[in-house]
Amino acid sequence: MARRKSRNIPIKSKLYILAEGETEVEYFEQLCRTESIKRNFAGIEIEIYQPQNYSPIGIVQEAIKRLQSKSKHTTLKTDAAWCIFDKDGHANIAQAFDEAHKHNIRLAFSSICFEYWILLHFEYTTRPFLNCDEAKYFITKSNHLQRYKKADKKQIAEILNHFKTACTHARQLEEHQVVETTKPYERAVYTNVHHLVDFLQRK
């Protein structure tokens, strides 16, 4: 579990980022160490971790629990939570979306997997993947990375050099799907992880 807070600044609120996988945790831990985000969240403690139950519904239920628990910080104002998970092979995703909406928890969701978001750091594509393994193979085969490895610290640092490109590509996908009426979890290709990145950058 990672916690980041500014030294000597009273904690006014907490931001929980709960993630399905170790790759997502490492990605956002590194991103939140950038100076601009540290400035943006001065006085706010950011907690990034993978819950014990890291199914979509398990992640959302953990976020609800954390938001409902009584804080020890007397200066606390408003806590917020984001949940990061994907579609690949999961059950109860619709329930997870519904529960998150009821409790004002924001989602960073990808279909078919988080690796689609990783791929957008290097190219724009609406190519659907059957599963995460296929997406990982495509990243490596396309020579974007020498050999893609989940949760690799050095590789994620390299990937993060292109996070602004990923956001641009994700917005392009969003515009492409603007008339789409199906739910995000019903789509073969989808990501809104850039919404969380934008939130951290205060955009």
N, C-alpha and C. Protein backbone atom coordinates (compact mmCIF):
# COMPACT_ATOMS: atom_id res chain seq x y z
N MET A 1 0.85 -1.19 0.00
CA MET A 1 0.00 0.00 0.00
C MET A 1 0.89 1.24 0.00
N ALA A 2 0.66 2.13 -0.92
CA ALA A 2 1.49 3.34 -1.03
C ALA A 2 0.72 4.55 -0.52
N ARG A 3 1.43 5.36 0.26
CA ARG A 3 0.82 6.59 0.75
C ARG A 3 1.75 7.74 0.42
N ARG A 4 1.18 8.86 -0.03
CA ARG A 4 1.99 10.02 -0.31
C ARG A 4 1.31 11.25 0.27
N LYS A 5 2.07 12.00 1.05
CA LYS A 5 1.54 13.25 1.56
C LYS A 5 2.67 14.26 1.66
N SER A 6 2.34 15.53 1.61
CA SER A 6 3.34 16.57 1.68
C SER A 6 3.79 16.76 3.12
N ARG A 7 5.09 16.95 3.31
CA ARG A 7 5.63 17.13 4.65
C ARG A 7 5.17 18.45 5.25
N ASN A 8 4.88 18.39 6.56
CA ASN A 8 4.57 19.58 7.35
C ASN A 8 3.32 20.32 6.87
N ILE A 9 2.50 19.68 6.07
CA ILE A 9 1.25 20.29 5.63
C ILE A 9 0.10 19.46 6.21
N PRO A 10 -0.80 20.08 6.97
CA PRO A 10 -1.91 19.32 7.57
C PRO A 10 -2.73 18.60 6.49
N ILE A 11 -3.08 17.37 6.79
CA ILE A 11 -3.87 16.60 5.84
C ILE A 11 -5.33 17.04 5.92
N LYS A 12 -5.85 17.54 4.81
CA LYS A 12 -7.22 18.03 4.77
C LYS A 12 -8.19 17.01 4.19
N SER A 13 -7.69 16.12 3.37
CA SER A 13 -8.54 15.09 2.79
C SER A 13 -7.67 13.96 2.26
N LYS A 14 -8.32 12.89 1.86
CA LYS A 14 -7.61 11.73 1.35
C LYS A 14 -8.18 11.34 -0.01
N LEU A 15 -7.30 10.89 -0.86
CA LEU A 15 -7.68 10.38 -2.17
C LEU A 15 -7.28 8.91 -2.22
N TYR A 16 -8.23 8.05 -2.44
CA TYR A 16 -7.98 6.62 -2.55
C TYR A 16 -7.98 6.24 -4.03
N ILE A 17 -6.93 5.56 -4.46
CA ILE A 17 -6.87 5.00 -5.80
C ILE A 17 -6.69 3.49 -5.63
N LEU A 18 -7.76 2.75 -5.88
CA LEU A 18 -7.76 1.30 -5.70
C LEU A 18 -7.66 0.63 -7.05
N ALA A 19 -6.72 -0.28 -7.19
CA ALA A 19 -6.43 -0.85 -8.50
C ALA A 19 -6.52 -2.36 -8.50
N GLU A 20 -6.90 -2.87 -9.64
CA GLU A 20 -7.03 -4.32 -9.82
C GLU A 20 -5.69 -5.03 -9.82
N GLY A 21 -4.68 -4.41 -10.46
CA GLY A 21 -3.40 -5.10 -10.64
C GLY A 21 -2.20 -4.31 -10.17
N GLU A 22 -1.08 -5.00 -10.07
CA GLU A 22 0.16 -4.38 -9.62
C GLU A 22 0.69 -3.38 -10.66
N THR A 23 0.42 -3.63 -11.94
CA THR A 23 0.85 -2.71 -12.98
C THR A 23 0.20 -1.35 -12.80
N GLU A 24 -1.10 -1.35 -12.55
CA GLU A 24 -1.83 -0.11 -12.34
C GLU A 24 -1.31 0.63 -11.10
N VAL A 25 -1.04 -0.12 -10.04
CA VAL A 25 -0.51 0.49 -8.81
C VAL A 25 0.83 1.15 -9.08
N GLU A 26 1.73 0.44 -9.73
CA GLU A 26 3.06 0.98 -10.01
C GLU A 26 2.97 2.19 -10.94
N TYR A 27 2.11 2.11 -11.93
CA TYR A 27 1.93 3.21 -12.88
C TYR A 27 1.53 4.49 -12.14
N PHE A 28 0.51 4.40 -11.30
CA PHE A 28 0.01 5.60 -10.65
C PHE A 28 0.87 6.02 -9.46
N GLU A 29 1.58 5.10 -8.85
CA GLU A 29 2.55 5.50 -7.84
C GLU A 29 3.62 6.39 -8.46
N GLN A 30 4.14 5.96 -9.60
CA GLN A 30 5.17 6.76 -10.27
C GLN A 30 4.61 8.09 -10.77
N LEU A 31 3.42 8.06 -11.34
CA LEU A 31 2.82 9.28 -11.85
C LEU A 31 2.61 10.29 -10.72
N CYS A 32 2.18 9.82 -9.56
CA CYS A 32 1.89 10.71 -8.44
C CYS A 32 3.15 11.25 -7.77
N ARG A 33 4.30 10.74 -8.16
CA ARG A 33 5.56 11.28 -7.63
C ARG A 33 6.07 12.46 -8.45
N THR A 34 5.41 12.78 -9.55
CA THR A 34 5.84 13.92 -10.35
C THR A 34 5.55 15.22 -9.59
N GLU A 35 6.40 16.21 -9.79
CA GLU A 35 6.32 17.44 -9.01
C GLU A 35 4.99 18.17 -9.20
N SER A 36 4.48 18.19 -10.41
CA SER A 36 3.23 18.91 -10.65
C SER A 36 2.07 18.31 -9.88
N ILE A 37 2.00 16.99 -9.82
CA ILE A 37 0.91 16.34 -9.09
C ILE A 37 1.10 16.49 -7.59
N LYS A 38 2.34 16.44 -7.12
CA LYS A 38 2.59 16.67 -5.70
C LYS A 38 2.15 18.07 -5.29
N ARG A 39 2.38 19.05 -6.16
CA ARG A 39 1.91 20.40 -5.87
C ARG A 39 0.39 20.48 -5.88
N ASN A 40 -0.20 19.83 -6.87
CA ASN A 40 -1.66 19.85 -6.99
C ASN A 40 -2.35 19.27 -5.76
N PHE A 41 -1.71 18.30 -5.13
CA PHE A 41 -2.33 17.58 -4.02
C PHE A 41 -1.63 17.83 -2.70
N ALA A 42 -1.04 19.00 -2.55
CA ALA A 42 -0.46 19.38 -1.26
C ALA A 42 -1.57 19.39 -0.22
N GLY A 43 -1.32 18.74 0.91
CA GLY A 43 -2.33 18.67 1.97
C GLY A 43 -3.33 17.55 1.78
N ILE A 44 -3.16 16.77 0.73
CA ILE A 44 -4.04 15.63 0.47
C ILE A 44 -3.21 14.36 0.47
N GLU A 45 -3.62 13.41 1.26
CA GLU A 45 -2.93 12.12 1.29
C GLU A 45 -3.49 11.23 0.20
N ILE A 46 -2.61 10.72 -0.63
CA ILE A 46 -3.02 9.82 -1.71
C ILE A 46 -2.62 8.39 -1.33
N GLU A 47 -3.59 7.52 -1.33
CA GLU A 47 -3.35 6.12 -1.00
C GLU A 47 -3.65 5.29 -2.24
N ILE A 48 -2.65 4.56 -2.73
CA ILE A 48 -2.79 3.75 -3.94
C ILE A 48 -2.49 2.31 -3.57
N TYR A 49 -3.44 1.43 -3.81
CA TYR A 49 -3.17 0.04 -3.44
C TYR A 49 -4.12 -0.92 -4.15
N GLN A 50 -3.73 -2.19 -4.09
CA GLN A 50 -4.54 -3.28 -4.62
C GLN A 50 -5.24 -3.96 -3.45
N PRO A 51 -6.58 -3.91 -3.39
CA PRO A 51 -7.28 -4.55 -2.27
C PRO A 51 -7.10 -6.07 -2.28
N GLN A 52 -7.39 -6.67 -1.15
CA GLN A 52 -7.29 -8.13 -1.06
C GLN A 52 -8.25 -8.80 -2.06
N ASN A 53 -9.45 -8.27 -2.14
CA ASN A 53 -10.40 -8.72 -3.16
C ASN A 53 -10.32 -7.72 -4.32
N TYR A 54 -9.59 -8.09 -5.36
CA TYR A 54 -9.37 -7.15 -6.45
C TYR A 54 -10.21 -7.46 -7.69
N SER A 55 -11.35 -8.11 -7.48
CA SER A 55 -12.35 -8.19 -8.55
C SER A 55 -13.00 -6.81 -8.67
N PRO A 56 -13.64 -6.50 -9.79
CA PRO A 56 -14.28 -5.18 -9.92
C PRO A 56 -15.20 -4.84 -8.76
N ILE A 57 -16.09 -5.78 -8.39
CA ILE A 57 -17.03 -5.48 -7.31
C ILE A 57 -16.28 -5.41 -5.97
N GLY A 58 -15.25 -6.21 -5.81
CA GLY A 58 -14.46 -6.17 -4.58
C GLY A 58 -13.74 -4.84 -4.40
N ILE A 59 -13.22 -4.31 -5.51
CA ILE A 59 -12.53 -3.02 -5.47
C ILE A 59 -13.51 -1.91 -5.10
N VAL A 60 -14.67 -1.91 -5.73
CA VAL A 60 -15.67 -0.87 -5.44
C VAL A 60 -16.15 -0.97 -3.99
N GLN A 61 -16.39 -2.18 -3.51
CA GLN A 61 -16.84 -2.36 -2.13
C GLN A 61 -15.78 -1.88 -1.14
N GLU A 62 -14.53 -2.11 -1.45
CA GLU A 62 -13.44 -1.62 -0.60
C GLU A 62 -13.43 -0.09 -0.59
N ALA A 63 -13.63 0.53 -1.75
CA ALA A 63 -13.67 1.99 -1.83
C ALA A 63 -14.82 2.55 -1.00
N ILE A 64 -15.99 1.91 -1.09
CA ILE A 64 -17.14 2.33 -0.29
C ILE A 64 -16.81 2.25 1.20
N LYS A 65 -16.18 1.15 1.58
CA LYS A 65 -15.80 0.95 2.99
C LYS A 65 -14.85 2.04 3.46
N ARG A 66 -13.86 2.37 2.64
CA ARG A 66 -12.88 3.38 3.03
C ARG A 66 -13.52 4.76 3.15
N LEU A 67 -14.43 5.08 2.24
CA LEU A 67 -15.08 6.38 2.28
C LEU A 67 -16.04 6.51 3.44
N GLN A 68 -16.61 5.38 3.86
CA GLN A 68 -17.59 5.41 4.94
C GLN A 68 -16.96 5.32 6.32
N SER A 69 -15.71 4.88 6.37
CA SER A 69 -15.05 4.72 7.66
C SER A 69 -14.75 6.08 8.27
N LYS A 70 -14.79 6.17 9.57
CA LYS A 70 -14.53 7.44 10.25
C LYS A 70 -13.04 7.76 10.18
N SER A 71 -12.73 8.97 9.80
CA SER A 71 -11.34 9.38 9.68
C SER A 71 -10.80 9.83 11.02
N LYS A 72 -9.50 9.61 11.22
CA LYS A 72 -8.82 10.05 12.42
C LYS A 72 -8.34 11.50 12.29
N HIS A 73 -8.47 12.05 11.09
CA HIS A 73 -7.97 13.40 10.84
C HIS A 73 -9.09 14.42 11.11
N THR A 74 -8.90 15.24 12.12
CA THR A 74 -9.94 16.18 12.50
C THR A 74 -10.12 17.29 11.47
N THR A 75 -9.09 17.54 10.64
CA THR A 75 -9.20 18.59 9.63
C THR A 75 -9.76 18.07 8.31
N LEU A 76 -10.14 16.80 8.31
CA LEU A 76 -10.60 16.18 7.06
C LEU A 76 -11.83 16.86 6.50
N LYS A 77 -11.84 17.13 5.22
CA LYS A 77 -13.00 17.73 4.55
C LYS A 77 -13.72 16.65 3.76
N THR A 78 -13.28 16.39 2.56
CA THR A 78 -13.98 15.45 1.70
C THR A 78 -13.00 14.45 1.12
N ASP A 79 -13.27 13.18 1.32
CA ASP A 79 -12.47 12.13 0.70
C ASP A 79 -13.01 11.81 -0.69
N ALA A 80 -12.17 11.25 -1.52
CA ALA A 80 -12.58 10.84 -2.85
C ALA A 80 -11.94 9.51 -3.18
N ALA A 81 -12.55 8.78 -4.09
CA ALA A 81 -12.01 7.47 -4.46
C ALA A 81 -12.16 7.23 -5.95
N TRP A 82 -11.12 6.64 -6.51
CA TRP A 82 -11.14 6.14 -7.88
C TRP A 82 -10.85 4.64 -7.85
N CYS A 83 -11.52 3.90 -8.70
CA CYS A 83 -11.27 2.46 -8.84
C CYS A 83 -10.80 2.18 -10.26
N ILE A 84 -9.73 1.41 -10.37
CA ILE A 84 -9.18 1.05 -11.68
C ILE A 84 -9.35 -0.45 -11.90
N PHE A 85 -10.08 -0.81 -12.91
CA PHE A 85 -10.19 -2.23 -13.26
C PHE A 85 -10.54 -2.35 -14.73
N ASP A 86 -10.51 -3.58 -15.23
CA ASP A 86 -10.80 -3.79 -16.65
C ASP A 86 -11.84 -4.89 -16.85
N LYS A 87 -12.12 -5.17 -18.09
CA LYS A 87 -13.19 -6.11 -18.45
C LYS A 87 -12.73 -7.56 -18.48
N ASP A 88 -11.49 -7.80 -18.74
CA ASP A 88 -10.94 -9.11 -19.09
C ASP A 88 -11.35 -10.24 -18.14
N GLY A 89 -12.35 -11.01 -18.54
CA GLY A 89 -12.73 -12.22 -17.83
C GLY A 89 -13.45 -12.01 -16.51
N HIS A 90 -13.94 -10.82 -16.22
CA HIS A 90 -14.54 -10.54 -14.92
C HIS A 90 -16.06 -10.66 -14.95
N ALA A 91 -16.60 -11.09 -13.82
CA ALA A 91 -18.04 -11.12 -13.62
C ALA A 91 -18.47 -9.90 -12.80
N ASN A 92 -19.76 -9.62 -12.80
CA ASN A 92 -20.36 -8.58 -11.95
C ASN A 92 -19.85 -7.17 -12.25
N ILE A 93 -19.42 -6.93 -13.49
CA ILE A 93 -18.92 -5.60 -13.83
C ILE A 93 -20.07 -4.58 -13.81
N ALA A 94 -21.22 -4.96 -14.32
CA ALA A 94 -22.37 -4.04 -14.30
C ALA A 94 -22.72 -3.65 -12.87
N GLN A 95 -22.68 -4.61 -11.97
CA GLN A 95 -22.96 -4.33 -10.56
C GLN A 95 -21.92 -3.37 -9.98
N ALA A 96 -20.65 -3.58 -10.36
CA ALA A 96 -19.59 -2.70 -9.88
C ALA A 96 -19.81 -1.26 -10.36
N PHE A 97 -20.20 -1.10 -11.61
CA PHE A 97 -20.50 0.23 -12.14
C PHE A 97 -21.66 0.87 -11.38
N ASP A 98 -22.72 0.09 -11.14
CA ASP A 98 -23.90 0.61 -10.45
C ASP A 98 -23.56 1.05 -9.03
N GLU A 99 -22.81 0.21 -8.31
CA GLU A 99 -22.45 0.53 -6.92
C GLU A 99 -21.55 1.76 -6.87
N ALA A 100 -20.63 1.86 -7.80
CA ALA A 100 -19.75 3.03 -7.84
C ALA A 100 -20.55 4.30 -8.06
N HIS A 101 -21.49 4.23 -8.98
CA HIS A 101 -22.33 5.41 -9.28
C HIS A 101 -23.14 5.83 -8.06
N LYS A 102 -23.69 4.87 -7.33
CA LYS A 102 -24.51 5.17 -6.15
C LYS A 102 -23.71 5.89 -5.07
N HIS A 103 -22.41 5.60 -5.00
CA HIS A 103 -21.59 6.13 -3.91
C HIS A 103 -20.59 7.19 -4.39
N ASN A 104 -20.84 7.74 -5.56
CA ASN A 104 -19.99 8.82 -6.10
C ASN A 104 -18.52 8.42 -6.19
N ILE A 105 -18.29 7.18 -6.57
CA ILE A 105 -16.93 6.68 -6.77
C ILE A 105 -16.65 6.70 -8.27
N ARG A 106 -15.53 7.25 -8.65
CA ARG A 106 -15.21 7.37 -10.07
C ARG A 106 -14.40 6.16 -10.53
N LEU A 107 -14.61 5.79 -11.79
CA LEU A 107 -13.98 4.60 -12.35
C LEU A 107 -13.02 4.96 -13.48
N ALA A 108 -11.90 4.27 -13.50
CA ALA A 108 -10.97 4.31 -14.63
C ALA A 108 -10.98 2.89 -15.21
N PHE A 109 -11.74 2.72 -16.27
CA PHE A 109 -12.04 1.39 -16.80
C PHE A 109 -11.48 1.22 -18.20
N SER A 110 -11.00 0.01 -18.48
CA SER A 110 -10.48 -0.31 -19.82
C SER A 110 -11.06 -1.62 -20.32
N SER A 111 -11.26 -1.68 -21.62
CA SER A 111 -11.67 -2.91 -22.28
C SER A 111 -10.73 -3.13 -23.49
N ILE A 112 -10.04 -4.17 -23.57
CA ILE A 112 -10.33 -5.36 -22.79
C ILE A 112 -9.54 -5.39 -21.47
N CYS A 113 -8.44 -4.63 -21.43
CA CYS A 113 -7.58 -4.66 -20.26
C CYS A 113 -6.78 -3.36 -20.15
N PHE A 114 -6.09 -3.19 -19.04
CA PHE A 114 -5.28 -1.99 -18.80
C PHE A 114 -4.20 -1.85 -19.87
N GLU A 115 -3.78 -2.96 -20.44
CA GLU A 115 -2.75 -2.90 -21.47
C GLU A 115 -3.22 -2.17 -22.73
N TYR A 116 -4.53 -2.07 -22.93
CA TYR A 116 -5.00 -1.22 -24.04
C TYR A 116 -4.61 0.23 -23.78
N TRP A 117 -4.75 0.67 -22.53
CA TRP A 117 -4.31 2.02 -22.15
C TRP A 117 -2.80 2.15 -22.35
N ILE A 118 -2.04 1.14 -22.00
CA ILE A 118 -0.58 1.16 -22.21
C ILE A 118 -0.28 1.32 -23.69
N LEU A 119 -0.98 0.59 -24.54
CA LEU A 119 -0.75 0.65 -25.98
C LEU A 119 -0.97 2.06 -26.52
N LEU A 120 -1.94 2.79 -25.96
CA LEU A 120 -2.22 4.14 -26.43
C LEU A 120 -1.07 5.12 -26.15
N HIS A 121 -0.13 4.74 -25.33
CA HIS A 121 1.06 5.58 -25.12
C HIS A 121 1.93 5.63 -26.37
N PHE A 122 1.72 4.67 -27.27
CA PHE A 122 2.59 4.53 -28.44
C PHE A 122 1.87 4.67 -29.77
N GLU A 123 0.58 4.36 -29.80
CA GLU A 123 -0.16 4.47 -31.05
C GLU A 123 -1.65 4.58 -30.76
N TYR A 124 -2.37 5.14 -31.73
CA TYR A 124 -3.83 5.17 -31.64
C TYR A 124 -4.36 3.97 -32.40
N THR A 125 -5.24 3.22 -31.76
CA THR A 125 -5.86 2.08 -32.42
C THR A 125 -7.21 1.81 -31.80
N THR A 126 -8.13 1.31 -32.60
CA THR A 126 -9.41 0.84 -32.11
C THR A 126 -9.49 -0.68 -32.26
N ARG A 127 -8.33 -1.29 -32.41
CA ARG A 127 -8.25 -2.74 -32.57
C ARG A 127 -8.77 -3.44 -31.31
N PRO A 128 -9.72 -4.37 -31.44
CA PRO A 128 -10.18 -5.13 -30.27
C PRO A 128 -9.25 -6.31 -29.99
N PHE A 129 -9.09 -6.62 -28.72
CA PHE A 129 -8.28 -7.77 -28.31
C PHE A 129 -9.17 -8.76 -27.56
N LEU A 130 -8.89 -10.03 -27.76
CA LEU A 130 -9.71 -11.06 -27.12
C LEU A 130 -9.47 -11.12 -25.61
N ASN A 131 -8.23 -10.86 -25.21
CA ASN A 131 -7.88 -10.93 -23.79
C ASN A 131 -6.59 -10.15 -23.55
N CYS A 132 -6.16 -10.14 -22.32
CA CYS A 132 -4.97 -9.38 -21.95
C CYS A 132 -3.70 -9.95 -22.60
N ASP A 133 -3.61 -11.26 -22.66
CA ASP A 133 -2.42 -11.88 -23.26
C ASP A 133 -2.24 -11.43 -24.71
N GLU A 134 -3.33 -11.33 -25.43
CA GLU A 134 -3.25 -10.90 -26.83
C GLU A 134 -2.78 -9.44 -26.91
N ALA A 135 -3.28 -8.61 -26.02
CA ALA A 135 -2.86 -7.20 -26.00
C ALA A 135 -1.38 -7.07 -25.66
N LYS A 136 -0.93 -7.83 -24.67
CA LYS A 136 0.48 -7.82 -24.28
C LYS A 136 1.38 -8.27 -25.43
N TYR A 137 0.95 -9.31 -26.13
CA TYR A 137 1.72 -9.82 -27.27
C TYR A 137 1.82 -8.75 -28.36
N PHE A 138 0.71 -8.04 -28.59
CA PHE A 138 0.69 -7.01 -29.63
C PHE A 138 1.65 -5.87 -29.29
N ILE A 139 1.71 -5.48 -28.03
CA ILE A 139 2.62 -4.41 -27.60
C ILE A 139 4.06 -4.79 -27.89
N THR A 140 4.41 -6.02 -27.57
CA THR A 140 5.78 -6.48 -27.81
C THR A 140 6.05 -6.65 -29.30
N LYS A 141 5.11 -7.26 -30.02
CA LYS A 141 5.29 -7.51 -31.46
C LYS A 141 5.42 -6.22 -32.26
N SER A 142 4.76 -5.18 -31.78
CA SER A 142 4.80 -3.90 -32.48
C SER A 142 6.07 -3.11 -32.19
N ASN A 143 6.95 -3.69 -31.38
CA ASN A 143 8.25 -3.07 -31.04
C ASN A 143 8.11 -1.76 -30.29
N HIS A 144 7.00 -1.60 -29.60
CA HIS A 144 6.86 -0.42 -28.75
C HIS A 144 7.74 -0.55 -27.51
N LEU A 145 7.84 -1.77 -27.03
CA LEU A 145 8.72 -2.09 -25.90
C LEU A 145 9.44 -3.38 -26.26
N GLN A 146 10.66 -3.51 -25.76
CA GLN A 146 11.45 -4.69 -26.13
C GLN A 146 10.75 -5.98 -25.74
N ARG A 147 10.23 -6.00 -24.52
CA ARG A 147 9.40 -7.12 -24.09
C ARG A 147 8.53 -6.62 -22.95
N TYR A 148 7.25 -6.50 -23.20
CA TYR A 148 6.37 -5.94 -22.19
C TYR A 148 6.28 -6.86 -20.98
N LYS A 149 6.49 -6.26 -19.79
CA LYS A 149 6.40 -7.00 -18.54
C LYS A 149 5.52 -6.22 -17.59
N LYS A 150 4.54 -6.90 -17.02
CA LYS A 150 3.61 -6.24 -16.11
C LYS A 150 4.34 -5.79 -14.84
N ALA A 151 4.01 -4.59 -14.38
CA ALA A 151 4.50 -4.05 -13.10
C ALA A 151 6.01 -3.85 -13.04
N ASP A 152 6.67 -3.80 -14.19
CA ASP A 152 8.12 -3.58 -14.21
C ASP A 152 8.41 -2.09 -14.01
N LYS A 153 9.13 -1.76 -12.95
CA LYS A 153 9.35 -0.36 -12.57
C LYS A 153 10.04 0.44 -13.67
N LYS A 154 11.13 -0.10 -14.22
CA LYS A 154 11.88 0.62 -15.25
C LYS A 154 11.06 0.80 -16.51
N GLN A 155 10.32 -0.23 -16.86
CA GLN A 155 9.51 -0.15 -18.08
C GLN A 155 8.35 0.84 -17.92
N ILE A 156 7.75 0.85 -16.75
CA ILE A 156 6.66 1.79 -16.52
C ILE A 156 7.17 3.23 -16.54
N ALA A 157 8.38 3.45 -16.02
CA ALA A 157 8.98 4.79 -16.10
C ALA A 157 9.14 5.21 -17.55
N GLU A 158 9.55 4.26 -18.40
CA GLU A 158 9.68 4.54 -19.84
C GLU A 158 8.31 4.83 -20.46
N ILE A 159 7.32 4.03 -20.09
CA ILE A 159 5.96 4.22 -20.62
C ILE A 159 5.42 5.60 -20.24
N LEU A 160 5.68 6.02 -19.02
CA LEU A 160 5.16 7.29 -18.53
C LEU A 160 5.73 8.50 -19.26
N ASN A 161 6.83 8.32 -19.95
CA ASN A 161 7.35 9.41 -20.78
C ASN A 161 6.36 9.80 -21.88
N HIS A 162 5.40 8.91 -22.14
CA HIS A 162 4.44 9.13 -23.23
C HIS A 162 3.00 9.26 -22.74
N PHE A 163 2.81 9.57 -21.44
CA PHE A 163 1.44 9.56 -20.93
C PHE A 163 0.56 10.64 -21.56
N LYS A 164 1.16 11.75 -21.96
CA LYS A 164 0.37 12.80 -22.62
C LYS A 164 -0.14 12.33 -23.99
N THR A 165 0.69 11.54 -24.67
CA THR A 165 0.25 10.94 -25.94
C THR A 165 -0.91 9.99 -25.71
N ALA A 166 -0.83 9.20 -24.64
CA ALA A 166 -1.92 8.27 -24.31
C ALA A 166 -3.21 9.03 -24.07
N CYS A 167 -3.13 10.15 -23.36
CA CYS A 167 -4.33 10.96 -23.10
C CYS A 167 -4.92 11.50 -24.39
N THR A 168 -4.06 11.96 -25.29
CA THR A 168 -4.52 12.44 -26.58
C THR A 168 -5.24 11.35 -27.36
N HIS A 169 -4.66 10.17 -27.39
CA HIS A 169 -5.26 9.04 -28.11
C HIS A 169 -6.58 8.61 -27.45
N ALA A 170 -6.63 8.64 -26.12
CA ALA A 170 -7.86 8.25 -25.41
C ALA A 170 -8.99 9.25 -25.69
N ARG A 171 -8.64 10.52 -25.78
CA ARG A 171 -9.66 11.52 -26.13
C ARG A 171 -10.14 11.32 -27.56
N GLN A 172 -9.22 10.92 -28.42
CA GLN A 172 -9.59 10.64 -29.81
C GLN A 172 -10.59 9.48 -29.87
N LEU A 173 -10.34 8.46 -29.07
CA LEU A 173 -11.26 7.32 -28.99
C LEU A 173 -12.61 7.79 -28.43
N GLU A 174 -12.57 8.63 -27.43
CA GLU A 174 -13.79 9.16 -26.82
C GLU A 174 -14.64 9.89 -27.85
N GLU A 175 -14.00 10.70 -28.67
CA GLU A 175 -14.71 11.42 -29.73
C GLU A 175 -15.26 10.45 -30.77
N HIS A 176 -14.50 9.41 -31.06
CA HIS A 176 -14.93 8.39 -32.03
C HIS A 176 -16.18 7.66 -31.53
N GLN A 177 -16.31 7.52 -30.21
CA GLN A 177 -17.41 6.76 -29.63
C GLN A 177 -18.51 7.66 -29.07
N VAL A 178 -18.49 8.94 -29.43
CA VAL A 178 -19.41 9.89 -28.81
C VAL A 178 -20.87 9.53 -29.03
N VAL A 179 -21.19 8.87 -30.13
CA VAL A 179 -22.59 8.49 -30.38
C VAL A 179 -22.88 7.07 -29.92
N GLU A 180 -21.91 6.42 -29.31
CA GLU A 180 -22.07 5.04 -28.83
C GLU A 180 -23.07 5.02 -27.68
N THR A 181 -24.05 4.14 -27.74
CA THR A 181 -25.09 4.08 -26.71
C THR A 181 -24.90 2.92 -25.75
N THR A 182 -24.00 2.00 -26.05
CA THR A 182 -23.77 0.87 -25.15
C THR A 182 -22.96 1.31 -23.94
N LYS A 183 -23.06 0.55 -22.87
CA LYS A 183 -22.29 0.81 -21.66
C LYS A 183 -20.80 0.58 -21.94
N PRO A 184 -19.92 1.27 -21.24
CA PRO A 184 -18.48 1.06 -21.46
C PRO A 184 -18.06 -0.41 -21.36
N TYR A 185 -18.62 -1.14 -20.40
CA TYR A 185 -18.24 -2.54 -20.20
C TYR A 185 -18.82 -3.47 -21.25
N GLU A 186 -19.71 -2.95 -22.10
CA GLU A 186 -20.25 -3.75 -23.20
C GLU A 186 -19.44 -3.58 -24.49
N ARG A 187 -18.50 -2.68 -24.48
CA ARG A 187 -17.72 -2.38 -25.69
C ARG A 187 -16.46 -3.24 -25.77
N ALA A 188 -16.09 -3.57 -26.99
CA ALA A 188 -14.87 -4.36 -27.20
C ALA A 188 -13.62 -3.51 -26.97
N VAL A 189 -13.74 -2.22 -27.25
CA VAL A 189 -12.61 -1.30 -27.11
C VAL A 189 -13.07 -0.08 -26.32
N TYR A 190 -12.39 0.20 -25.21
CA TYR A 190 -12.76 1.35 -24.40
C TYR A 190 -11.67 1.63 -23.37
N THR A 191 -11.47 2.88 -23.08
CA THR A 191 -10.71 3.28 -21.88
C THR A 191 -11.07 4.71 -21.54
N ASN A 192 -11.13 4.98 -20.26
CA ASN A 192 -11.26 6.36 -19.79
C ASN A 192 -10.23 6.64 -18.69
N VAL A 193 -9.13 5.92 -18.72
CA VAL A 193 -8.07 6.11 -17.72
C VAL A 193 -7.54 7.54 -17.77
N HIS A 194 -7.64 8.17 -18.94
CA HIS A 194 -7.18 9.56 -19.04
C HIS A 194 -7.98 10.50 -18.15
N HIS A 195 -9.19 10.13 -17.78
CA HIS A 195 -9.97 10.96 -16.86
C HIS A 195 -9.29 11.02 -15.49
N LEU A 196 -8.76 9.91 -15.04
CA LEU A 196 -8.02 9.90 -13.77
C LEU A 196 -6.72 10.68 -13.89
N VAL A 197 -6.02 10.52 -15.00
CA VAL A 197 -4.78 11.28 -15.23
C VAL A 197 -5.08 12.78 -15.24
N ASP A 198 -6.16 13.17 -15.93
CA ASP A 198 -6.56 14.57 -15.97
C ASP A 198 -6.93 15.07 -14.57
N PHE A 199 -7.62 14.24 -13.82
CA PHE A 199 -8.00 14.61 -12.45
C PHE A 199 -6.75 14.89 -11.61
N LEU A 200 -5.75 14.05 -11.73
CA LEU A 200 -4.51 14.23 -10.98
C LEU A 200 -3.76 15.48 -11.41
N GLN A 201 -3.93 15.84 -12.68
CA GLN A 201 -3.28 17.06 -13.18
C GLN A 201 -4.15 18.29 -12.99
N ARG A 202 -5.32 18.10 -12.38
CA ARG A 202 -6.26 19.19 -12.12
C ARG A 202 -6.73 19.85 -13.41
N LYS A 203 -6.96 19.03 -14.45
CA LYS A 203 -7.43 19.57 -15.73
C LYS A 203 -8.94 19.55 -15.77
